[in-house]
N, C-alpha and C. Protein backbone atom coordinates (compact mmCIF):
# COMPACT_ATOMS: atom_id res chain seq x y z
N MET A 1 275.61 70.53 -43.17
CA MET A 1 275.53 71.97 -43.39
C MET A 1 274.47 72.60 -42.49
N ALA A 2 273.30 71.98 -42.42
CA ALA A 2 272.24 72.50 -41.58
C ALA A 2 272.64 72.46 -40.11
N ASP A 3 273.42 71.44 -39.72
CA ASP A 3 273.88 71.35 -38.34
C ASP A 3 274.83 72.49 -38.01
N ASP A 4 275.68 72.91 -38.95
CA ASP A 4 276.59 74.02 -38.71
C ASP A 4 275.83 75.31 -38.47
N VAL A 5 274.78 75.55 -39.24
CA VAL A 5 273.96 76.75 -39.07
C VAL A 5 273.25 76.69 -37.73
N HIS A 6 272.71 75.52 -37.37
CA HIS A 6 272.01 75.34 -36.10
C HIS A 6 272.94 75.61 -34.92
N ASP A 7 274.19 75.09 -34.98
CA ASP A 7 275.16 75.31 -33.92
C ASP A 7 275.56 76.79 -33.81
N ALA A 8 275.71 77.45 -34.94
CA ALA A 8 276.09 78.86 -34.94
C ALA A 8 274.99 79.71 -34.30
N VAL A 9 273.74 79.38 -34.54
CA VAL A 9 272.63 80.12 -33.96
C VAL A 9 272.63 79.95 -32.44
N HIS A 10 272.83 78.71 -31.96
CA HIS A 10 272.85 78.47 -30.52
C HIS A 10 274.07 79.10 -29.85
N ASP A 11 275.21 79.16 -30.53
CA ASP A 11 276.39 79.81 -29.96
C ASP A 11 276.15 81.30 -29.79
N SER A 12 275.48 81.94 -30.74
CA SER A 12 275.21 83.37 -30.62
C SER A 12 274.17 83.63 -29.53
N ASP A 13 273.24 82.68 -29.31
CA ASP A 13 272.27 82.83 -28.22
C ASP A 13 272.98 82.81 -26.88
N ALA A 14 274.00 81.97 -26.71
CA ALA A 14 274.74 81.89 -25.46
C ALA A 14 275.48 83.20 -25.19
N ALA A 15 275.97 83.85 -26.24
CA ALA A 15 276.67 85.12 -26.07
C ALA A 15 275.70 86.24 -25.66
N ASP A 16 274.42 86.10 -26.02
CA ASP A 16 273.42 87.10 -25.66
C ASP A 16 272.88 86.91 -24.24
N ASP A 17 273.16 85.78 -23.61
CA ASP A 17 272.71 85.51 -22.25
C ASP A 17 273.45 86.42 -21.29
N PRO A 18 272.74 87.29 -20.54
CA PRO A 18 273.42 88.21 -19.61
C PRO A 18 274.29 87.49 -18.59
N GLY A 19 273.89 86.30 -18.18
CA GLY A 19 274.67 85.55 -17.20
C GLY A 19 276.01 85.10 -17.73
N ALA A 20 276.15 85.00 -19.04
CA ALA A 20 277.40 84.56 -19.63
C ALA A 20 278.37 85.72 -19.84
N ARG A 21 277.93 86.95 -19.63
CA ARG A 21 278.76 88.12 -19.92
C ARG A 21 279.42 88.74 -18.70
N GLY A 22 279.09 88.31 -17.51
CA GLY A 22 279.66 88.97 -16.35
C GLY A 22 279.42 88.18 -15.08
N GLU A 23 279.57 88.86 -13.97
CA GLU A 23 279.37 88.20 -12.69
C GLU A 23 278.61 89.14 -11.76
N LEU A 24 278.04 88.57 -10.71
CA LEU A 24 277.30 89.33 -9.72
C LEU A 24 278.08 89.34 -8.42
N THR A 25 278.30 90.52 -7.88
CA THR A 25 278.97 90.64 -6.59
C THR A 25 278.03 91.38 -5.65
N VAL A 26 277.70 90.72 -4.54
CA VAL A 26 276.84 91.34 -3.53
C VAL A 26 277.73 91.73 -2.36
N ARG A 27 277.79 92.99 -2.07
CA ARG A 27 278.61 93.50 -0.97
C ARG A 27 277.95 93.16 0.37
N ASP A 28 278.78 93.07 1.40
CA ASP A 28 278.28 92.76 2.74
C ASP A 28 277.22 93.76 3.18
N LYS A 29 277.42 95.03 2.87
CA LYS A 29 276.49 96.08 3.30
C LYS A 29 275.11 95.89 2.66
N VAL A 30 275.08 95.47 1.41
CA VAL A 30 273.80 95.23 0.73
C VAL A 30 273.09 94.04 1.38
N ALA A 31 273.82 92.96 1.63
CA ALA A 31 273.24 91.79 2.28
C ALA A 31 272.77 92.15 3.69
N GLN A 32 273.51 93.01 4.37
CA GLN A 32 273.12 93.45 5.71
C GLN A 32 271.78 94.18 5.65
N ARG A 33 271.61 95.06 4.70
CA ARG A 33 270.35 95.81 4.59
C ARG A 33 269.20 94.88 4.23
N LEU A 34 269.45 93.90 3.38
CA LEU A 34 268.41 92.92 3.06
C LEU A 34 268.00 92.14 4.30
N ALA A 35 268.98 91.75 5.11
CA ALA A 35 268.69 90.99 6.34
C ALA A 35 267.90 91.84 7.33
N VAL A 36 268.27 93.10 7.49
CA VAL A 36 267.54 93.99 8.41
C VAL A 36 266.11 94.19 7.92
N HIS A 37 265.97 94.39 6.63
CA HIS A 37 264.63 94.60 6.07
C HIS A 37 263.76 93.34 6.27
N ALA A 38 264.33 92.17 6.04
CA ALA A 38 263.59 90.92 6.23
C ALA A 38 263.20 90.75 7.69
N ALA A 39 264.09 91.09 8.60
CA ALA A 39 263.77 90.98 10.03
C ALA A 39 262.68 91.98 10.40
N ARG A 40 262.77 93.18 9.88
CA ARG A 40 261.80 94.23 10.18
C ARG A 40 260.39 93.84 9.72
N LEU A 41 260.29 93.08 8.63
CA LEU A 41 259.00 92.67 8.10
C LEU A 41 258.40 91.47 8.83
N THR A 42 259.14 90.89 9.75
CA THR A 42 258.68 89.70 10.48
C THR A 42 257.70 90.11 11.57
N ASP A 43 256.57 89.39 11.65
CA ASP A 43 255.59 89.66 12.70
C ASP A 43 256.23 89.45 14.07
N GLY A 44 256.00 90.37 14.97
CA GLY A 44 256.54 90.28 16.32
C GLY A 44 257.82 91.06 16.52
N VAL A 45 258.50 91.45 15.44
CA VAL A 45 259.73 92.24 15.54
C VAL A 45 259.35 93.71 15.48
N HIS A 46 259.92 94.49 16.40
CA HIS A 46 259.62 95.91 16.45
C HIS A 46 260.89 96.73 16.37
N PRO A 47 260.87 97.82 15.61
CA PRO A 47 262.01 98.73 15.60
C PRO A 47 262.16 99.34 16.99
N HIS A 48 263.39 99.50 17.42
CA HIS A 48 263.61 100.01 18.77
C HIS A 48 264.99 100.64 18.89
N SER A 49 265.04 101.76 19.57
CA SER A 49 266.31 102.33 20.01
C SER A 49 266.01 103.18 21.23
N ALA A 50 266.94 103.19 22.15
CA ALA A 50 266.73 103.94 23.39
C ALA A 50 268.06 104.44 23.92
N GLY A 51 268.00 105.49 24.71
CA GLY A 51 269.19 106.02 25.37
C GLY A 51 270.30 106.37 24.40
N LEU A 52 271.51 105.94 24.72
CA LEU A 52 272.68 106.22 23.88
C LEU A 52 272.57 105.56 22.51
N ASN A 53 271.84 104.45 22.41
CA ASN A 53 271.68 103.79 21.12
C ASN A 53 271.01 104.70 20.10
N LYS A 54 270.14 105.61 20.54
CA LYS A 54 269.53 106.57 19.63
C LYS A 54 270.60 107.48 19.04
N ILE A 55 271.52 107.92 19.87
CA ILE A 55 272.57 108.84 19.44
C ILE A 55 273.57 108.12 18.53
N THR A 56 273.93 106.89 18.87
CA THR A 56 274.95 106.17 18.09
C THR A 56 274.37 105.47 16.87
N GLY A 57 273.04 105.46 16.73
CA GLY A 57 272.42 104.84 15.57
C GLY A 57 272.36 103.33 15.65
N ARG A 58 272.46 102.77 16.83
CA ARG A 58 272.40 101.31 17.00
C ARG A 58 270.97 100.89 17.30
N GLU A 59 270.12 101.04 16.31
CA GLU A 59 268.73 100.68 16.50
C GLU A 59 268.50 99.22 16.14
N LEU A 60 267.40 98.70 16.60
CA LEU A 60 267.03 97.32 16.31
C LEU A 60 265.89 97.32 15.31
N PRO A 61 265.83 96.39 14.40
CA PRO A 61 266.78 95.29 14.21
C PRO A 61 268.05 95.77 13.53
N ARG A 62 269.12 95.02 13.77
CA ARG A 62 270.39 95.27 13.08
C ARG A 62 270.98 93.91 12.73
N ALA A 63 271.88 93.92 11.76
CA ALA A 63 272.44 92.66 11.28
C ALA A 63 273.90 92.84 10.91
N THR A 64 274.62 91.74 11.02
CA THR A 64 275.99 91.64 10.53
C THR A 64 276.03 90.45 9.59
N VAL A 65 276.56 90.66 8.39
CA VAL A 65 276.61 89.59 7.39
C VAL A 65 278.05 89.41 6.94
N SER A 66 278.49 88.15 6.93
CA SER A 66 279.81 87.81 6.41
C SER A 66 279.60 86.96 5.16
N ILE A 67 280.19 87.41 4.05
CA ILE A 67 280.02 86.70 2.78
C ILE A 67 281.37 86.15 2.33
N ALA A 68 281.36 84.89 1.93
CA ALA A 68 282.53 84.24 1.33
C ALA A 68 282.05 83.54 0.07
N GLY A 69 282.40 84.10 -1.08
CA GLY A 69 281.92 83.54 -2.34
C GLY A 69 280.42 83.78 -2.46
N ASP A 70 279.66 82.70 -2.58
CA ASP A 70 278.21 82.83 -2.65
C ASP A 70 277.53 82.32 -1.38
N ARG A 71 278.29 82.27 -0.28
CA ARG A 71 277.77 81.78 1.00
C ARG A 71 277.79 82.90 2.03
N ALA A 72 276.82 82.87 2.93
CA ALA A 72 276.71 83.94 3.93
C ALA A 72 276.43 83.37 5.31
N ARG A 73 276.93 84.08 6.30
CA ARG A 73 276.59 83.85 7.71
C ARG A 73 276.06 85.15 8.25
N VAL A 74 274.97 85.07 9.01
CA VAL A 74 274.26 86.27 9.42
C VAL A 74 274.04 86.26 10.93
N GLU A 75 274.21 87.42 11.55
CA GLU A 75 273.84 87.64 12.94
C GLU A 75 272.83 88.78 12.96
N VAL A 76 271.67 88.53 13.56
CA VAL A 76 270.60 89.52 13.60
C VAL A 76 270.23 89.78 15.06
N SER A 77 270.11 91.05 15.43
CA SER A 77 269.63 91.44 16.75
C SER A 77 268.28 92.10 16.58
N ILE A 78 267.32 91.69 17.42
CA ILE A 78 265.95 92.18 17.28
C ILE A 78 265.37 92.60 18.62
N ALA A 79 264.25 93.31 18.56
CA ALA A 79 263.43 93.61 19.73
C ALA A 79 262.07 92.97 19.48
N VAL A 80 261.54 92.32 20.50
CA VAL A 80 260.27 91.63 20.40
C VAL A 80 259.29 92.26 21.38
N ALA A 81 258.06 92.45 20.95
CA ALA A 81 257.04 93.03 21.82
C ALA A 81 256.37 91.93 22.62
N TRP A 82 256.23 92.20 23.91
CA TRP A 82 255.51 91.29 24.80
C TRP A 82 254.06 91.27 24.39
N PRO A 83 253.38 90.19 24.33
CA PRO A 83 253.66 88.83 24.75
C PRO A 83 253.99 87.89 23.60
N ALA A 84 254.59 88.36 22.54
CA ALA A 84 254.93 87.49 21.41
C ALA A 84 255.89 86.39 21.87
N PRO A 85 255.70 85.16 21.40
CA PRO A 85 256.62 84.07 21.77
C PRO A 85 257.99 84.29 21.12
N VAL A 86 258.99 84.53 21.93
CA VAL A 86 260.33 84.89 21.46
C VAL A 86 260.91 83.82 20.53
N VAL A 87 260.75 82.56 20.88
CA VAL A 87 261.31 81.48 20.07
C VAL A 87 260.67 81.45 18.69
N ASP A 88 259.36 81.64 18.63
CA ASP A 88 258.66 81.63 17.33
C ASP A 88 259.07 82.83 16.47
N VAL A 89 259.20 83.99 17.10
CA VAL A 89 259.61 85.19 16.36
C VAL A 89 261.03 85.00 15.83
N GLY A 90 261.92 84.45 16.66
CA GLY A 90 263.30 84.21 16.22
C GLY A 90 263.37 83.25 15.04
N ALA A 91 262.58 82.17 15.09
CA ALA A 91 262.57 81.20 13.98
C ALA A 91 262.01 81.84 12.71
N ALA A 92 261.00 82.70 12.85
CA ALA A 92 260.44 83.39 11.68
C ALA A 92 261.46 84.36 11.08
N VAL A 93 262.24 85.03 11.93
CA VAL A 93 263.30 85.92 11.44
C VAL A 93 264.32 85.11 10.66
N GLN A 94 264.73 83.96 11.18
CA GLN A 94 265.68 83.11 10.46
C GLN A 94 265.16 82.75 9.08
N ARG A 95 263.91 82.29 9.00
CA ARG A 95 263.32 81.91 7.71
C ARG A 95 263.28 83.10 6.75
N ASN A 96 262.83 84.26 7.25
CA ASN A 96 262.69 85.44 6.39
C ASN A 96 264.04 85.93 5.87
N VAL A 97 265.06 85.90 6.72
CA VAL A 97 266.39 86.35 6.30
C VAL A 97 266.96 85.40 5.25
N VAL A 98 266.83 84.10 5.47
CA VAL A 98 267.32 83.12 4.49
C VAL A 98 266.60 83.32 3.16
N ASP A 99 265.29 83.46 3.19
CA ASP A 99 264.52 83.65 1.95
C ASP A 99 264.92 84.93 1.22
N ALA A 100 265.11 86.02 1.97
CA ALA A 100 265.47 87.30 1.34
C ALA A 100 266.84 87.23 0.69
N LEU A 101 267.81 86.67 1.40
CA LEU A 101 269.17 86.62 0.84
C LEU A 101 269.25 85.64 -0.34
N ARG A 102 268.48 84.57 -0.27
CA ARG A 102 268.46 83.62 -1.39
C ARG A 102 267.79 84.25 -2.61
N THR A 103 266.65 84.90 -2.39
CA THR A 103 265.87 85.45 -3.49
C THR A 103 266.51 86.68 -4.11
N TYR A 104 266.94 87.63 -3.28
CA TYR A 104 267.39 88.93 -3.80
C TYR A 104 268.89 89.04 -4.01
N ALA A 105 269.68 88.16 -3.39
CA ALA A 105 271.13 88.27 -3.52
C ALA A 105 271.77 86.99 -4.03
N ALA A 106 270.98 85.95 -4.29
CA ALA A 106 271.48 84.67 -4.79
C ALA A 106 272.57 84.09 -3.88
N LEU A 107 272.37 84.25 -2.57
CA LEU A 107 273.34 83.74 -1.60
C LEU A 107 272.80 82.47 -0.95
N THR A 108 273.71 81.56 -0.65
CA THR A 108 273.38 80.38 0.15
C THR A 108 273.71 80.75 1.59
N VAL A 109 272.71 80.69 2.45
CA VAL A 109 272.91 81.10 3.85
C VAL A 109 273.22 79.87 4.68
N ASP A 110 274.42 79.85 5.26
CA ASP A 110 274.85 78.73 6.10
C ASP A 110 274.27 78.81 7.50
N ARG A 111 274.09 80.04 7.99
CA ARG A 111 273.70 80.18 9.40
C ARG A 111 273.07 81.55 9.62
N VAL A 112 272.01 81.59 10.42
CA VAL A 112 271.42 82.85 10.87
C VAL A 112 271.27 82.75 12.38
N ASP A 113 272.06 83.54 13.09
CA ASP A 113 271.97 83.60 14.55
C ASP A 113 271.11 84.81 14.90
N VAL A 114 270.09 84.58 15.74
CA VAL A 114 269.19 85.66 16.14
C VAL A 114 269.36 85.90 17.63
N ALA A 115 269.62 87.15 17.99
CA ALA A 115 269.72 87.55 19.40
C ALA A 115 268.56 88.50 19.70
N VAL A 116 267.82 88.19 20.75
CA VAL A 116 266.75 89.09 21.19
C VAL A 116 267.37 90.02 22.21
N ASP A 117 267.61 91.27 21.80
CA ASP A 117 268.27 92.25 22.66
C ASP A 117 267.30 93.03 23.53
N ALA A 118 266.00 93.00 23.19
CA ALA A 118 265.03 93.73 23.98
C ALA A 118 263.66 93.06 23.87
N VAL A 119 262.97 93.01 24.98
CA VAL A 119 261.56 92.61 25.01
C VAL A 119 260.81 93.84 25.48
N LEU A 120 259.94 94.33 24.62
CA LEU A 120 259.26 95.60 24.88
C LEU A 120 257.85 95.37 25.39
N PRO A 121 257.41 96.18 26.34
CA PRO A 121 256.00 96.12 26.72
C PRO A 121 255.14 96.47 25.51
N ALA A 122 253.96 95.93 25.45
CA ALA A 122 253.10 96.13 24.28
C ALA A 122 252.84 97.61 23.99
N ALA A 123 252.75 98.45 25.00
CA ALA A 123 252.47 99.88 24.78
C ALA A 123 253.71 100.71 25.12
N THR A 124 254.68 100.75 24.19
CA THR A 124 255.88 101.57 24.40
C THR A 124 256.19 102.37 23.14
N PRO A 125 255.22 103.14 22.62
CA PRO A 125 255.47 103.86 21.37
C PRO A 125 256.52 104.96 21.48
N SER A 126 256.73 105.52 22.66
CA SER A 126 257.67 106.64 22.79
C SER A 126 259.12 106.18 22.68
N ARG A 127 259.42 104.92 22.91
CA ARG A 127 260.80 104.43 22.87
C ARG A 127 261.13 103.71 21.59
N THR A 128 260.19 103.58 20.68
CA THR A 128 260.44 102.86 19.43
C THR A 128 260.66 103.85 18.30
N VAL A 129 261.39 103.42 17.31
CA VAL A 129 261.68 104.23 16.14
C VAL A 129 260.60 103.96 15.10
N GLN A 130 260.06 104.96 14.52
CA GLN A 130 259.03 104.76 13.50
C GLN A 130 259.59 104.89 12.14
């Protein structure tokens, strides 16, 4: 008898668990914004847009994320300020993007490709986006 009451209490606890009542869907656009934000917070990465890119809104960093189930593949384009080591900055962007998508979107990241689209002179404030 006591076991029946104990089981009933645990069954009702499972029904109260938010994870048991629904599912989480992370849209590609949300994951893209998380990836851009993570890249932007990486030391050595600078926001940048110039020429026609200012008009078209193709500023750096930018990201493309493809999600299948709970797995993601990411492509990130960044601008790096001279004399930061490009390889080190790219590796840091990869780590930060993986951590952000894992932490905030519960995604398993299979791949993060980083493209350095611009290397900026250290003093180029007029061409960067603030």
